[in-house]
C-alpha atoms as a PDB file:
ATOM      1  CA  MET A   1       1.676  -7.173  -3.419  1.00  0.00           C
ATOM      2  CA  VAL A   2      -1.557  -6.913  -1.474  1.00  0.00           C
ATOM      3  CA  ILE A   3      -1.883  -6.606   2.300  1.00  0.00           C
ATOM      4  CA  ALA A   4      -5.260  -7.423   3.826  1.00  0.00           C
ATOM      5  CA  TYR A   5      -6.513  -7.659   7.381  1.00  0.00           C
ATOM      6  CA  ASP A   6      -8.505 -10.744   8.379  1.00  0.00           C
ATOM      7  CA  GLU A   7     -10.747  -9.562  11.222  1.00  0.00           C
ATOM      8  CA  GLU A   8     -11.857 -13.058  12.223  1.00  0.00           C
ATOM      9  CA  ALA A   9      -8.314 -14.420  12.545  1.00  0.00           C
ATOM     10  CA  GLN A  10      -6.887 -11.007  13.564  1.00  0.00           C
ATOM     11  CA  THR A  11      -3.970 -11.416  11.181  1.00  0.00           C
ATOM     12  CA  LEU A  12      -2.443  -9.550   8.281  1.00  0.00           C
ATOM     13  CA  LYS A  13      -2.331 -11.481   5.022  1.00  0.00           C
ATOM     14  CA  VAL A  14       0.403 -10.545   2.557  1.00  0.00           C
ATOM     15  CA  CYS A  15      -0.021 -11.982  -0.907  1.00  0.00           C
ATOM     16  CA  THR A  16       0.831 -11.429  -4.522  1.00  0.00           C
ATOM     17  CA  LEU A  17      -1.496 -11.247  -7.488  1.00  0.00           C
ATOM     18  CA  LEU A  18      -0.884 -11.611 -11.177  1.00  0.00           C
ATOM     19  CA  ARG A  19      -0.750  -8.189 -12.823  1.00  0.00           C
ATOM     20  CA  ASP A  20      -3.747  -9.017 -15.070  1.00  0.00           C
ATOM     21  CA  SER A  21      -5.982  -9.963 -12.124  1.00  0.00           C
ATOM     22  CA  LEU A  22      -4.979  -6.811 -10.244  1.00  0.00           C
ATOM     23  CA  ALA A  23      -5.531  -4.468 -13.199  1.00  0.00           C
ATOM     24  CA  ARG A  24      -9.293  -4.940 -13.251  1.00  0.00           C
ATOM     25  CA  ARG A  25      -9.527  -4.189  -9.512  1.00  0.00           C
ATOM     26  CA  LEU A  26      -7.573  -0.923  -9.591  1.00  0.00           C
ATOM     27  CA  ASP A  27     -10.529   1.063 -10.947  1.00  0.00           C
ATOM     28  CA  ALA A  28     -12.486   0.395  -7.741  1.00  0.00           C
ATOM     29  CA  ALA A  29      -9.525   0.789  -5.369  1.00  0.00           C
ATOM     30  CA  LEU A  30      -8.013   3.679  -3.489  1.00  0.00           C
ATOM     31  CA  VAL A  31      -4.663   4.019  -5.272  1.00  0.00           C
ATOM     32  CA  VAL A  32      -1.885   6.138  -3.790  1.00  0.00           C
ATOM     33  CA  PRO A  33       0.961   6.624  -6.273  1.00  0.00           C
ATOM     34  CA  TRP A  34       4.538   6.604  -4.926  1.00  0.00           C
ATOM     35  CA  PRO A  35       6.755   8.292  -7.546  1.00  0.00           C
ATOM     36  CA  LEU A  36      10.252   6.867  -7.147  1.00  0.00           C
ATOM     37  CA  GLU A  37      11.723  10.110  -8.487  1.00  0.00           C
ATOM     38  CA  GLU A  38      10.752  11.792  -5.183  1.00  0.00           C
ATOM     39  CA  VAL A  39      13.162   9.498  -3.316  1.00  0.00           C
ATOM     40  CA  ASN A  40      15.845   9.649  -6.014  1.00  0.00           C
ATOM     41  CA  PHE A  41      14.930   6.084  -6.999  1.00  0.00           C
ATOM     42  CA  LYS A  42      16.329   4.898  -3.661  1.00  0.00           C
ATOM     43  CA  LEU A  43      14.294   2.368  -1.708  1.00  0.00           C
ATOM     44  CA  ASP A  44      16.051   2.490   1.643  1.00  0.00           C
ATOM     45  CA  ASP A  45      14.921   1.884   5.234  1.00  0.00           C
ATOM     46  CA  GLU A  46      13.337   5.329   5.534  1.00  0.00           C
ATOM     47  CA  ALA A  47      11.304   4.833   2.348  1.00  0.00           C
ATOM     48  CA  ALA A  48      10.216   1.390   3.600  1.00  0.00           C
ATOM     49  CA  ARG A  49       9.124   2.835   6.965  1.00  0.00           C
ATOM     50  CA  THR A  50       7.157   5.600   5.289  1.00  0.00           C
ATOM     51  CA  LEU A  51       5.484   3.218   2.860  1.00  0.00           C
ATOM     52  CA  GLY A  52       4.719   0.753   5.664  1.00  0.00           C
ATOM     53  CA  GLY A  53       3.167   3.514   7.782  1.00  0.00           C
ATOM     54  CA  ALA A  54       1.001   4.591   4.868  1.00  0.00           C
ATOM     55  CA  MET A  55      -0.146   1.009   4.315  1.00  0.00           C
ATOM     56  CA  PHE A  56      -1.178   0.626   7.949  1.00  0.00           C
ATOM     57  CA  ALA A  57      -3.014   3.951   7.816  1.00  0.00           C
ATOM     58  CA  MET A  58      -4.896   2.779   4.730  1.00  0.00           C
ATOM     59  CA  LEU A  59      -5.826  -0.512   6.416  1.00  0.00           C
ATOM     60  CA  GLY A  60      -7.359   1.403   9.317  1.00  0.00           C
ATOM     61  CA  GLU A  61      -9.132   4.068   7.272  1.00  0.00           C
ATOM     62  CA  PRO A  62      -9.379   2.911   3.655  1.00  0.00           C
ATOM     63  CA  ALA A  63     -11.474   5.907   2.572  1.00  0.00           C
ATOM     64  CA  VAL A  64      -8.995   8.508   3.852  1.00  0.00           C
ATOM     65  CA  PRO A  65      -6.178   9.574   1.509  1.00  0.00           C
ATOM     66  CA  VAL A  66      -2.668   9.231   2.949  1.00  0.00           C
ATOM     67  CA  THR A  67      -0.202  12.105   2.772  1.00  0.00           C
ATOM     68  CA  ARG A  68       3.273  11.158   1.599  1.00  0.00           C
ATOM     69  CA  VAL A  69       6.114  12.199   3.888  1.00  0.00           C
ATOM     70  CA  PHE A  70       9.280  12.105   1.788  1.00  0.00           C
END
């Protein structure tokens, strides 16, 4: 899943990409790993809020690494 901000339309665009088309872009991207082991493989509301907050932080400052808060 990819979330992008469209400045002209002032909207968030949520979309999916085929794994192959995403793979070649990962080398140039800021990638923040989210090991599921750290949340006991449980994707609950708290994990979703934390991940969502990190995504918004990355949209605002894409060059700044995000600290995980699990």
